[in-house]
N, C-alpha and C. Protein backbone atom coordinates (compact mmCIF):
# COMPACT_ATOMS: atom_id res chain seq x y z
N UNK A 1 -5.84 48.76 -100.01
CA UNK A 1 -6.70 49.66 -100.90
C UNK A 1 -6.72 49.23 -102.28
N UNK A 2 -8.08 49.06 -102.86
CA UNK A 2 -8.15 48.74 -104.04
C UNK A 2 -7.95 50.17 -104.95
N UNK A 3 -7.73 49.90 -106.44
CA UNK A 3 -7.57 51.04 -107.27
C UNK A 3 -8.35 52.22 -106.92
N UNK A 4 -9.78 52.28 -106.73
CA UNK A 4 -10.57 53.42 -106.56
C UNK A 4 -10.41 53.94 -105.07
N UNK A 5 -10.29 52.93 -104.25
CA UNK A 5 -9.86 53.18 -102.69
C UNK A 5 -8.63 54.24 -102.74
N UNK A 6 -7.63 53.68 -103.62
CA UNK A 6 -6.39 54.37 -103.47
C UNK A 6 -6.54 55.92 -104.01
N UNK A 7 -7.16 55.99 -104.99
CA UNK A 7 -7.50 57.38 -105.72
C UNK A 7 -7.96 58.08 -104.60
N UNK A 8 -9.09 57.64 -103.99
CA UNK A 8 -9.93 58.25 -102.91
C UNK A 8 -9.04 58.91 -101.90
N UNK A 9 -8.29 57.77 -101.35
CA UNK A 9 -6.94 58.22 -100.26
C UNK A 9 -6.04 59.21 -100.83
N UNK A 10 -5.51 59.36 -102.08
CA UNK A 10 -4.69 60.13 -102.49
C UNK A 10 -5.27 61.58 -102.55
N UNK A 11 -6.50 61.51 -102.84
CA UNK A 11 -7.36 62.93 -102.96
C UNK A 11 -7.50 63.40 -101.32
N UNK A 12 -7.83 62.55 -100.52
CA UNK A 12 -7.96 62.80 -99.23
C UNK A 12 -6.78 63.27 -98.36
N UNK A 13 -5.69 62.85 -98.85
CA UNK A 13 -4.51 63.46 -98.12
C UNK A 13 -3.94 64.87 -98.45
N UNK A 14 -4.58 65.35 -99.54
CA UNK A 14 -4.34 66.58 -100.15
C UNK A 14 -4.99 67.64 -99.02
N UNK A 15 -5.66 67.24 -98.28
CA UNK A 15 -6.31 68.24 -97.29
C UNK A 15 -5.60 68.43 -95.95
N UNK A 16 -4.40 67.63 -95.90
CA UNK A 16 -3.58 67.48 -94.78
C UNK A 16 -2.25 67.78 -95.28
N UNK A 17 -1.71 69.17 -95.13
CA UNK A 17 -0.61 69.80 -95.54
C UNK A 17 0.59 69.12 -95.21
N UNK A 18 0.67 68.84 -94.09
CA UNK A 18 2.05 68.16 -93.48
C UNK A 18 1.98 66.82 -93.96
N UNK A 19 0.97 66.10 -93.62
CA UNK A 19 0.97 64.70 -94.12
C UNK A 19 0.78 64.10 -95.44
N UNK A 20 0.48 65.20 -96.26
CA UNK A 20 0.16 64.53 -97.55
C UNK A 20 1.74 64.25 -98.11
N UNK A 21 2.55 64.84 -98.06
CA UNK A 21 3.98 64.60 -98.40
C UNK A 21 4.34 63.06 -97.87
N UNK A 22 3.98 63.02 -96.56
CA UNK A 22 4.46 61.87 -96.01
C UNK A 22 3.84 60.56 -96.54
N UNK A 23 2.25 60.54 -96.69
CA UNK A 23 1.62 59.46 -97.20
C UNK A 23 1.77 59.18 -98.56
N UNK A 24 2.11 60.26 -99.35
CA UNK A 24 2.22 60.05 -100.77
C UNK A 24 3.57 59.24 -100.89
N UNK A 25 4.67 59.67 -100.36
CA UNK A 25 5.93 58.84 -100.16
C UNK A 25 5.79 57.35 -99.87
N UNK A 26 4.95 57.24 -98.68
CA UNK A 26 4.75 55.81 -98.31
C UNK A 26 3.95 54.84 -99.31
N UNK A 27 3.11 55.44 -100.13
CA UNK A 27 2.25 54.75 -100.96
C UNK A 27 3.02 54.48 -102.29
N UNK A 28 4.10 55.31 -102.50
CA UNK A 28 5.06 55.24 -103.79
C UNK A 28 6.29 54.34 -103.71
N UNK A 29 6.57 54.14 -102.18
CA UNK A 29 7.93 53.30 -101.88
C UNK A 29 7.62 52.24 -101.29
N UNK A 30 6.38 51.92 -100.39
CA UNK A 30 6.24 50.74 -99.57
C UNK A 30 7.21 50.69 -98.53
N UNK A 31 7.62 51.75 -97.69
CA UNK A 31 8.62 51.70 -96.83
C UNK A 31 7.61 51.33 -95.43
N UNK A 32 8.60 50.40 -94.45
CA UNK A 32 7.88 50.35 -93.28
C UNK A 32 7.81 51.81 -92.59
N UNK A 33 6.75 51.67 -91.38
CA UNK A 33 6.48 52.93 -90.97
C UNK A 33 7.60 53.23 -90.10
N UNK A 34 8.36 52.62 -89.68
CA UNK A 34 9.75 53.35 -88.87
C UNK A 34 10.57 53.76 -89.93
N UNK A 35 10.77 53.19 -91.04
CA UNK A 35 11.82 53.46 -92.03
C UNK A 35 11.38 54.92 -92.54
N UNK A 36 10.36 55.05 -92.88
CA UNK A 36 10.08 56.38 -93.49
C UNK A 36 9.91 57.48 -92.44
N UNK A 37 9.65 57.34 -91.17
CA UNK A 37 9.91 58.19 -90.05
C UNK A 37 11.42 58.51 -89.92
N UNK A 38 12.17 57.49 -90.34
CA UNK A 38 13.61 57.56 -90.02
C UNK A 38 14.39 58.24 -91.16
N UNK A 39 13.80 58.63 -92.36
CA UNK A 39 14.66 59.15 -93.36
C UNK A 39 15.18 60.56 -93.22
N UNK A 40 16.64 60.79 -93.31
CA UNK A 40 17.31 61.87 -93.36
C UNK A 40 17.47 62.45 -94.64
N UNK A 41 17.81 63.67 -94.98
CA UNK A 41 18.15 64.12 -96.16
C UNK A 41 19.44 63.71 -96.87
N UNK A 42 20.13 63.37 -95.69
CA UNK A 42 21.62 62.76 -96.20
C UNK A 42 21.31 61.19 -97.03
N UNK A 43 20.21 60.76 -96.68
CA UNK A 43 19.96 59.43 -97.32
C UNK A 43 19.55 59.67 -98.93
N UNK A 44 19.29 60.88 -99.28
CA UNK A 44 18.57 60.96 -100.54
C UNK A 44 19.45 61.46 -101.61
N UNK A 45 19.62 60.94 -102.72
CA UNK A 45 20.67 61.68 -103.83
C UNK A 45 19.68 61.89 -104.86
N UNK A 46 19.70 63.14 -104.98
CA UNK A 46 18.72 63.56 -106.16
C UNK A 46 19.40 63.78 -107.35
N UNK A 47 20.81 63.44 -107.56
CA UNK A 47 21.17 63.19 -108.80
C UNK A 47 20.99 62.01 -109.51
N UNK A 48 20.93 60.91 -108.47
CA UNK A 48 20.43 59.60 -109.01
C UNK A 48 19.05 59.12 -108.84
N UNK A 49 18.44 60.18 -108.03
CA UNK A 49 17.00 59.53 -107.83
C UNK A 49 16.92 58.34 -106.96
N UNK A 50 17.79 58.37 -105.97
CA UNK A 50 17.82 57.07 -105.13
C UNK A 50 17.64 57.65 -103.57
N UNK A 51 17.12 56.61 -102.92
CA UNK A 51 16.82 56.76 -101.53
C UNK A 51 17.56 55.79 -100.76
N UNK A 52 18.23 55.81 -99.68
CA UNK A 52 18.76 54.88 -98.88
C UNK A 52 17.87 54.56 -97.39
N UNK A 53 17.58 53.50 -97.27
CA UNK A 53 16.95 52.96 -96.00
C UNK A 53 18.08 52.60 -95.00
N UNK A 54 18.48 53.35 -94.09
CA UNK A 54 19.41 52.94 -93.00
C UNK A 54 19.08 52.74 -91.78
N UNK A 55 17.84 53.32 -91.23
CA UNK A 55 17.54 53.24 -89.84
C UNK A 55 16.06 53.16 -89.65
N UNK A 56 15.70 52.92 -88.50
CA UNK A 56 14.23 52.95 -88.22
C UNK A 56 13.85 53.54 -86.84
N UNK A 57 12.87 54.20 -86.85
CA UNK A 57 12.29 54.75 -85.63
C UNK A 57 11.09 53.93 -85.08
N UNK A 58 11.30 53.84 -83.67
CA UNK A 58 10.20 52.95 -82.76
C UNK A 58 9.73 54.00 -81.98
N UNK A 59 8.58 53.66 -81.31
CA UNK A 59 8.17 54.28 -80.06
C UNK A 59 8.62 53.50 -78.69
N UNK A 60 9.14 54.43 -77.75
CA UNK A 60 9.52 54.03 -76.61
C UNK A 60 8.40 53.59 -75.49
N UNK A 61 8.64 52.75 -74.80
CA UNK A 61 7.40 52.54 -73.81
C UNK A 61 7.55 53.82 -72.84
N UNK A 62 6.11 54.28 -72.62
CA UNK A 62 6.30 55.57 -71.81
C UNK A 62 6.38 56.81 -72.47
N UNK A 63 6.54 56.62 -73.75
CA UNK A 63 6.51 57.81 -74.60
C UNK A 63 7.80 58.21 -75.37
N UNK A 64 7.81 59.00 -76.34
CA UNK A 64 9.19 59.36 -76.95
C UNK A 64 9.61 58.24 -78.03
N UNK A 65 10.58 58.49 -78.88
CA UNK A 65 10.91 57.52 -79.79
C UNK A 65 12.56 57.31 -79.73
N UNK A 66 12.57 56.07 -80.15
CA UNK A 66 14.30 55.71 -80.25
C UNK A 66 14.63 55.36 -81.71
N UNK A 67 15.92 55.46 -81.99
CA UNK A 67 16.35 55.39 -83.24
C UNK A 67 17.27 54.23 -83.49
N UNK A 68 16.94 53.38 -84.27
CA UNK A 68 17.83 52.07 -84.42
C UNK A 68 17.91 51.56 -85.66
N UNK A 69 18.34 50.28 -85.76
CA UNK A 69 18.48 49.65 -87.07
C UNK A 69 17.20 49.24 -87.60
N UNK A 70 17.16 48.80 -88.94
CA UNK A 70 16.06 48.21 -89.69
C UNK A 70 15.58 47.03 -89.26
N UNK A 71 14.30 46.57 -89.65
CA UNK A 71 14.11 45.36 -89.07
C UNK A 71 14.79 43.94 -89.37
N UNK A 72 15.49 43.98 -90.60
CA UNK A 72 16.31 42.88 -90.91
C UNK A 72 17.60 43.42 -91.51
N UNK A 73 18.46 42.61 -92.03
CA UNK A 73 19.79 43.19 -92.53
C UNK A 73 19.26 43.37 -94.02
N UNK A 74 18.46 42.86 -94.58
CA UNK A 74 18.24 43.44 -95.79
C UNK A 74 17.16 44.62 -95.86
N UNK A 75 16.99 45.10 -94.66
CA UNK A 75 16.28 46.24 -94.55
C UNK A 75 17.12 47.53 -94.91
N UNK A 76 18.28 47.29 -94.72
CA UNK A 76 19.28 48.54 -95.30
C UNK A 76 19.42 48.13 -96.87
N UNK A 77 18.91 49.21 -97.49
CA UNK A 77 18.87 48.98 -98.99
C UNK A 77 18.82 50.22 -99.66
N UNK A 78 19.07 50.29 -100.79
CA UNK A 78 18.83 51.63 -101.65
C UNK A 78 17.73 51.36 -102.91
N UNK A 79 16.82 52.30 -102.91
CA UNK A 79 15.73 52.00 -103.71
C UNK A 79 15.73 53.38 -104.81
N UNK A 80 15.15 53.29 -106.03
CA UNK A 80 15.13 54.15 -106.76
C UNK A 80 13.72 54.76 -106.52
N UNK A 81 13.83 56.05 -106.49
CA UNK A 81 12.54 56.85 -106.55
C UNK A 81 11.82 57.22 -107.45
N UNK A 82 10.44 56.98 -107.60
CA UNK A 82 9.54 57.38 -108.85
C UNK A 82 9.91 58.82 -108.94
N UNK A 83 9.96 59.40 -110.18
CA UNK A 83 10.30 60.56 -110.50
C UNK A 83 9.43 61.62 -109.64
N UNK A 84 8.10 61.31 -109.64
CA UNK A 84 7.16 62.28 -108.94
C UNK A 84 7.53 62.54 -107.42
N UNK A 85 8.16 61.45 -106.90
CA UNK A 85 8.56 61.34 -105.41
C UNK A 85 9.89 62.21 -105.40
N UNK A 86 10.78 61.93 -106.41
CA UNK A 86 12.10 62.94 -106.20
C UNK A 86 11.64 64.16 -106.37
N UNK A 87 10.87 64.59 -107.30
CA UNK A 87 10.46 66.03 -107.48
C UNK A 87 9.78 66.71 -106.10
N UNK A 88 8.98 65.77 -105.60
CA UNK A 88 8.07 66.32 -104.34
C UNK A 88 9.27 66.70 -103.10
N UNK A 89 10.07 65.66 -103.18
CA UNK A 89 11.31 65.75 -102.10
C UNK A 89 12.12 66.87 -102.25
N UNK A 90 12.45 67.13 -103.58
CA UNK A 90 13.37 68.18 -103.93
C UNK A 90 12.79 69.53 -103.50
N UNK A 91 11.64 69.47 -103.97
CA UNK A 91 10.88 70.86 -103.44
C UNK A 91 10.70 71.01 -102.07
N UNK A 92 10.61 69.87 -101.11
CA UNK A 92 10.44 69.96 -99.78
C UNK A 92 11.57 70.45 -99.19
N UNK A 93 12.74 69.83 -99.67
CA UNK A 93 14.07 70.04 -98.95
C UNK A 93 14.56 71.72 -98.94
N UNK A 94 13.94 72.58 -99.99
CA UNK A 94 14.18 73.90 -100.02
C UNK A 94 13.80 74.69 -98.86
N UNK A 95 12.70 74.09 -98.13
CA UNK A 95 12.08 74.82 -96.82
C UNK A 95 12.62 73.99 -95.57
N UNK A 96 13.52 72.94 -95.85
CA UNK A 96 13.89 72.22 -94.76
C UNK A 96 14.46 72.76 -93.74
N UNK A 97 14.26 72.33 -92.32
CA UNK A 97 15.08 73.16 -91.12
C UNK A 97 15.69 72.24 -90.44
N UNK A 98 15.80 70.93 -90.60
CA UNK A 98 16.19 69.88 -89.77
C UNK A 98 16.67 68.99 -90.80
N UNK A 99 17.52 67.95 -90.13
CA UNK A 99 18.19 66.73 -90.85
C UNK A 99 17.12 65.82 -91.34
N UNK A 100 15.97 65.75 -90.57
CA UNK A 100 14.97 64.78 -90.82
C UNK A 100 13.89 65.15 -91.90
N UNK A 101 13.64 64.32 -92.83
CA UNK A 101 12.88 64.54 -93.92
C UNK A 101 11.42 64.74 -93.42
N UNK A 102 11.03 64.10 -92.45
CA UNK A 102 9.64 64.43 -91.82
C UNK A 102 9.86 64.62 -90.26
N UNK A 103 10.10 65.64 -89.72
CA UNK A 103 10.40 66.10 -88.35
C UNK A 103 9.08 66.05 -87.67
N UNK A 104 9.30 66.03 -86.18
CA UNK A 104 8.46 66.14 -85.29
C UNK A 104 7.84 67.59 -85.41
N UNK A 105 6.69 67.87 -85.16
CA UNK A 105 5.90 69.43 -85.30
C UNK A 105 6.70 70.25 -84.40
N UNK A 106 6.63 69.78 -83.17
CA UNK A 106 7.07 70.83 -82.04
C UNK A 106 8.36 70.67 -81.92
N UNK A 107 9.08 69.65 -82.23
CA UNK A 107 10.55 69.38 -81.75
C UNK A 107 11.18 68.93 -83.14
N UNK A 108 11.58 69.95 -84.09
CA UNK A 108 12.04 69.37 -85.47
C UNK A 108 13.34 68.62 -85.39
N UNK A 109 13.88 68.90 -84.36
CA UNK A 109 15.31 68.43 -84.09
C UNK A 109 15.21 66.71 -83.91
N UNK A 110 13.93 66.28 -83.85
CA UNK A 110 13.47 64.90 -83.61
C UNK A 110 12.72 64.34 -85.06
N UNK A 111 12.56 62.98 -85.22
CA UNK A 111 11.76 62.75 -86.20
C UNK A 111 10.42 62.26 -85.78
N UNK A 112 9.41 62.40 -86.88
CA UNK A 112 7.99 62.09 -86.60
C UNK A 112 8.04 60.91 -85.92
N UNK A 113 6.97 60.79 -84.80
CA UNK A 113 6.78 59.53 -84.25
C UNK A 113 5.77 58.57 -85.12
N UNK A 114 6.15 57.33 -85.29
CA UNK A 114 5.29 56.39 -85.91
C UNK A 114 3.83 56.25 -84.97
N UNK A 115 3.72 56.53 -84.16
CA UNK A 115 2.52 56.51 -83.52
C UNK A 115 1.66 57.60 -84.04
N UNK A 116 2.34 58.77 -84.25
CA UNK A 116 1.40 59.92 -84.66
C UNK A 116 0.99 59.62 -86.25
N UNK A 117 1.88 58.81 -86.87
CA UNK A 117 1.48 58.60 -88.24
C UNK A 117 0.49 57.59 -88.46
N UNK A 118 0.27 56.69 -87.44
CA UNK A 118 -0.51 55.58 -87.28
C UNK A 118 -2.09 56.30 -86.93
N UNK A 119 -1.94 57.37 -85.92
CA UNK A 119 -3.27 57.87 -85.71
C UNK A 119 -3.80 58.69 -86.68
N UNK A 120 -2.86 59.59 -87.49
CA UNK A 120 -3.22 60.48 -88.48
C UNK A 120 -3.91 59.56 -89.58
N UNK A 121 -3.40 58.46 -90.03
CA UNK A 121 -3.81 57.66 -91.10
C UNK A 121 -5.38 57.18 -90.63
N UNK A 122 -5.63 56.83 -89.41
CA UNK A 122 -7.01 56.44 -89.07
C UNK A 122 -7.76 57.61 -89.23
N UNK A 123 -7.46 58.81 -88.83
CA UNK A 123 -8.16 60.08 -89.03
C UNK A 123 -8.69 60.31 -90.43
N UNK A 124 -7.65 60.11 -91.20
CA UNK A 124 -7.80 60.32 -92.92
C UNK A 124 -8.86 59.34 -93.45
N UNK A 125 -8.54 58.18 -93.16
CA UNK A 125 -9.53 56.99 -93.43
C UNK A 125 -10.89 57.04 -93.17
N UNK A 126 -11.04 57.55 -91.97
CA UNK A 126 -12.42 57.66 -91.41
C UNK A 126 -13.16 58.60 -92.10
N UNK A 127 -12.31 59.84 -92.15
CA UNK A 127 -13.06 60.98 -93.02
C UNK A 127 -13.34 60.78 -94.27
N UNK A 128 -12.46 59.93 -95.11
CA UNK A 128 -12.65 59.78 -96.41
C UNK A 128 -13.77 58.55 -96.54
N UNK A 129 -14.08 57.80 -95.38
CA UNK A 129 -14.84 56.81 -95.53
C UNK A 129 -14.45 55.51 -96.35
N UNK A 130 -13.01 55.35 -95.92
CA UNK A 130 -12.41 54.34 -96.30
C UNK A 130 -12.06 53.03 -95.13
N UNK A 131 -12.00 51.96 -95.81
CA UNK A 131 -11.59 50.91 -94.72
C UNK A 131 -10.47 51.34 -93.71
N UNK A 132 -10.86 51.04 -92.38
CA UNK A 132 -9.73 51.40 -91.48
C UNK A 132 -8.52 50.34 -91.44
N UNK A 133 -7.57 50.57 -92.48
CA UNK A 133 -6.70 49.70 -92.59
C UNK A 133 -5.44 49.76 -91.75
N UNK A 134 -4.54 48.85 -91.56
CA UNK A 134 -3.37 49.00 -90.79
C UNK A 134 -2.42 50.21 -91.66
N UNK A 135 -1.44 50.74 -91.00
CA UNK A 135 -0.32 51.56 -91.53
C UNK A 135 0.25 50.36 -92.62
N UNK A 136 0.53 49.07 -91.93
CA UNK A 136 1.54 48.06 -92.98
C UNK A 136 0.61 47.98 -94.35
N UNK A 137 -0.79 47.92 -94.33
CA UNK A 137 -1.39 47.80 -95.34
C UNK A 137 -1.23 48.73 -96.51
N UNK A 138 -0.71 49.87 -96.30
CA UNK A 138 -0.27 50.85 -97.34
C UNK A 138 0.92 50.27 -97.91
N UNK A 139 1.77 49.60 -97.34
CA UNK A 139 3.03 48.77 -97.67
C UNK A 139 2.48 47.68 -98.79
N UNK A 140 1.46 47.06 -98.31
CA UNK A 140 0.87 45.87 -99.33
C UNK A 140 0.38 46.54 -100.48
N UNK A 141 -0.40 47.85 -100.18
CA UNK A 141 -0.87 48.34 -101.32
C UNK A 141 0.01 48.78 -102.43
N UNK A 142 1.18 49.18 -101.96
CA UNK A 142 2.30 49.60 -102.83
C UNK A 142 2.70 48.25 -103.55
N UNK A 143 2.89 47.14 -103.02
CA UNK A 143 3.58 45.84 -103.33
C UNK A 143 2.55 45.33 -104.43
N UNK A 144 1.45 45.45 -104.07
CA UNK A 144 0.30 44.87 -104.94
C UNK A 144 0.04 45.70 -106.35
N UNK A 145 0.51 46.92 -106.37
CA UNK A 145 0.31 47.99 -107.28
C UNK A 145 1.64 47.58 -108.12
N UNK A 146 2.92 47.57 -107.46
CA UNK A 146 4.08 47.21 -108.15
C UNK A 146 3.82 46.04 -108.98
N UNK A 147 3.49 44.68 -108.40
CA UNK A 147 3.35 43.67 -108.98
C UNK A 147 2.36 43.70 -110.39
N UNK A 148 1.19 44.41 -110.08
CA UNK A 148 0.19 44.62 -111.29
C UNK A 148 0.60 45.31 -112.32
N UNK A 149 1.64 46.14 -112.14
CA UNK A 149 2.35 47.03 -113.20
C UNK A 149 3.56 46.48 -113.72
N UNK A 150 3.69 45.12 -113.40
CA UNK A 150 4.93 44.41 -114.12
C UNK A 150 6.11 44.15 -113.39
N UNK A 151 6.12 44.78 -112.17
CA UNK A 151 7.62 44.60 -111.48
C UNK A 151 7.70 43.16 -111.25
N UNK A 152 8.91 42.65 -111.25
CA UNK A 152 9.18 41.18 -110.94
C UNK A 152 9.36 40.97 -109.47
N UNK A 153 9.17 39.72 -109.00
CA UNK A 153 9.28 39.49 -107.60
C UNK A 153 10.76 39.80 -106.82
N UNK A 154 11.57 39.43 -107.69
CA UNK A 154 13.04 39.91 -107.26
C UNK A 154 13.31 41.36 -106.99
N UNK A 155 12.90 42.01 -107.86
CA UNK A 155 13.13 43.61 -107.78
C UNK A 155 12.17 44.06 -106.73
N UNK A 156 10.98 43.68 -106.80
CA UNK A 156 9.98 43.98 -105.43
C UNK A 156 10.54 43.75 -103.95
N UNK A 157 11.08 42.47 -103.97
CA UNK A 157 11.67 41.94 -102.63
C UNK A 157 12.85 42.93 -102.36
N UNK A 158 13.88 43.30 -103.14
CA UNK A 158 14.94 44.00 -102.83
C UNK A 158 14.39 45.28 -102.31
N UNK A 159 13.32 45.84 -103.05
CA UNK A 159 12.84 47.22 -103.00
C UNK A 159 12.26 47.33 -101.47
N UNK A 160 11.41 46.45 -101.12
CA UNK A 160 10.51 46.62 -99.83
C UNK A 160 11.38 45.94 -98.66
N UNK A 161 12.70 45.38 -99.12
CA UNK A 161 13.45 44.88 -97.85
C UNK A 161 13.05 43.51 -97.20
N UNK A 162 12.71 42.55 -98.11
CA UNK A 162 12.51 41.31 -97.53
C UNK A 162 13.55 40.35 -97.49
N UNK A 163 13.68 39.59 -96.55
CA UNK A 163 14.83 38.72 -96.55
C UNK A 163 15.23 37.93 -97.70
N UNK A 164 14.15 37.54 -98.43
CA UNK A 164 14.37 36.81 -99.72
C UNK A 164 13.28 37.08 -100.72
N UNK A 165 13.39 36.42 -101.73
CA UNK A 165 12.26 36.51 -102.84
C UNK A 165 11.00 35.56 -102.43
N UNK A 166 11.42 34.51 -101.70
CA UNK A 166 10.61 33.53 -101.28
C UNK A 166 9.56 34.02 -100.34
N UNK A 167 10.07 34.81 -99.48
CA UNK A 167 9.09 35.78 -98.39
C UNK A 167 8.13 36.47 -99.14
N UNK A 168 8.64 37.25 -100.12
CA UNK A 168 7.58 38.17 -100.97
C UNK A 168 6.75 37.20 -101.72
N UNK A 169 7.05 35.99 -102.33
CA UNK A 169 6.22 35.08 -102.89
C UNK A 169 5.04 34.46 -101.94
N UNK A 170 5.57 34.26 -100.92
CA UNK A 170 4.61 33.71 -99.97
C UNK A 170 3.53 34.76 -99.57
N UNK A 171 3.92 36.05 -99.32
CA UNK A 171 3.00 37.09 -98.96
C UNK A 171 2.03 37.29 -100.01
N UNK A 172 2.53 37.46 -101.17
CA UNK A 172 1.72 38.00 -102.27
C UNK A 172 1.29 36.77 -103.32
N UNK A 173 1.40 35.67 -102.92
CA UNK A 173 0.90 34.49 -103.74
C UNK A 173 -0.51 34.60 -104.50
N UNK A 174 -1.38 35.21 -103.50
CA UNK A 174 -2.74 35.75 -103.98
C UNK A 174 -2.65 36.54 -105.53
N UNK A 175 -1.59 37.38 -105.43
CA UNK A 175 -1.45 38.44 -106.74
C UNK A 175 -0.62 37.72 -107.66
N UNK A 176 0.35 36.81 -107.38
CA UNK A 176 1.21 36.37 -108.57
C UNK A 176 0.31 35.20 -109.14
N UNK A 177 -0.49 34.37 -108.34
CA UNK A 177 -1.26 33.42 -108.90
C UNK A 177 -2.22 33.95 -109.82
N UNK A 178 -2.93 35.17 -109.51
CA UNK A 178 -3.56 35.64 -110.52
C UNK A 178 -3.02 36.14 -111.90
N UNK A 179 -1.78 36.78 -111.72
CA UNK A 179 -1.01 37.30 -112.66
C UNK A 179 -0.55 36.10 -113.88
N UNK A 180 -0.20 34.85 -113.03
CA UNK A 180 -0.04 33.81 -114.14
C UNK A 180 -1.28 33.44 -114.81
N UNK A 181 -2.48 33.41 -113.91
CA UNK A 181 -3.92 33.18 -114.55
C UNK A 181 -4.06 33.98 -115.82
N UNK A 182 -3.80 35.33 -115.74
CA UNK A 182 -4.09 36.41 -116.68
C UNK A 182 -3.08 36.27 -117.87
N UNK A 183 -1.71 35.79 -117.50
CA UNK A 183 -0.79 35.53 -118.54
C UNK A 183 -1.47 34.51 -119.49
N UNK A 184 -1.77 33.32 -118.79
CA UNK A 184 -2.51 32.22 -119.65
C UNK A 184 -3.63 32.84 -120.53
N UNK A 185 -4.43 33.47 -119.80
CA UNK A 185 -5.56 33.95 -120.71
C UNK A 185 -5.04 35.00 -122.01
N UNK A 186 -4.03 35.64 -121.76
CA UNK A 186 -3.68 36.61 -122.96
C UNK A 186 -2.92 35.70 -124.02
N UNK A 187 -2.41 34.69 -123.85
CA UNK A 187 -1.96 33.80 -124.69
C UNK A 187 -2.85 33.15 -125.26
N UNK A 188 -4.16 32.49 -124.38
CA UNK A 188 -4.97 31.83 -125.16
C UNK A 188 -5.87 32.79 -126.15
N UNK A 189 -6.11 34.19 -125.72
CA UNK A 189 -6.44 34.97 -126.56
C UNK A 189 -5.90 35.41 -127.89
N UNK A 190 -4.47 35.49 -127.74
CA UNK A 190 -3.70 35.84 -128.85
C UNK A 190 -3.39 34.79 -129.71
N UNK A 191 -3.09 33.42 -129.04
CA UNK A 191 -2.65 32.47 -129.99
C UNK A 191 -3.89 31.57 -130.49
N UNK A 192 -4.72 31.04 -129.42
CA UNK A 192 -5.86 30.29 -129.54
C UNK A 192 -6.88 31.05 -130.19
N UNK A 193 -7.09 32.33 -130.19
CA UNK A 193 -8.17 33.04 -130.80
C UNK A 193 -9.42 33.07 -130.16
N UNK A 194 -9.25 32.69 -128.76
CA UNK A 194 -10.38 32.55 -127.99
C UNK A 194 -10.69 33.85 -127.39
N UNK A 195 -12.05 34.09 -126.64
CA UNK A 195 -12.50 35.37 -125.87
C UNK A 195 -12.54 34.69 -124.43
N UNK A 196 -11.50 34.02 -123.96
CA UNK A 196 -11.59 33.67 -122.66
C UNK A 196 -11.59 34.69 -121.50
N UNK A 197 -12.51 34.50 -120.55
CA UNK A 197 -12.60 35.88 -119.53
C UNK A 197 -11.36 35.97 -118.82
N UNK A 198 -10.80 37.45 -118.57
CA UNK A 198 -9.85 37.75 -117.68
C UNK A 198 -10.05 37.60 -116.06
N UNK A 199 -9.40 36.75 -115.42
CA UNK A 199 -9.54 36.58 -114.14
C UNK A 199 -9.08 37.82 -113.37
N UNK A 200 -9.82 37.99 -112.40
CA UNK A 200 -9.55 39.31 -111.43
C UNK A 200 -9.04 38.92 -110.21
N UNK A 201 -7.97 39.56 -109.55
CA UNK A 201 -7.27 39.29 -108.35
C UNK A 201 -8.40 39.03 -107.40
N UNK A 202 -8.58 38.38 -106.27
CA UNK A 202 -9.32 38.03 -105.15
C UNK A 202 -9.14 39.23 -104.25
N UNK A 203 -10.32 39.50 -103.44
CA UNK A 203 -10.19 40.61 -102.67
C UNK A 203 -9.31 40.28 -101.40
N UNK A 204 -8.42 41.45 -101.00
CA UNK A 204 -7.46 41.21 -99.72
C UNK A 204 -8.21 40.61 -98.50
N UNK A 205 -7.33 39.86 -97.88
CA UNK A 205 -7.85 39.23 -96.81
C UNK A 205 -7.97 40.13 -95.62
């Protein structure tokens, strides 16, 4: 989602009481779908504003969910929560009735299903007249936003649980290439005194 589309999406989720928190945390952390569904309150330290990713929820064949390990070894990680996410979750915990941060509606002893999250995303996008992106594209939206606001590749790679920084570079090369071009133009403007045009990132594929 581009900047304007992201703004529209964040406004749209406000109309969905339960899912509003879920999708806000997703956009602000870039967790995989199974990872955000698998969050437990014990994974969160409000003293340090940190969140640990320890497990992943997947959909079973024939229905139901299974709880297992993260996609990769580096998927097990600790990330710093943005202050707004920490405040949101702190408030949410006050009314929590289960160990899961995002429990199943009718069976709160179980986590929310990744399939339910996917279906709800499509409904919200359609109603808001936004592109019908994949859930994984919310993760890409976060990463693009993080890079655009100055986060370095190594930090981003660790935060989203990639095997290596090289993996992150390969996936987001279209963004990092533009960032280098923009840096070159800033130098040209500052030192060379030119009025060079600032390049814009290409549209997502």
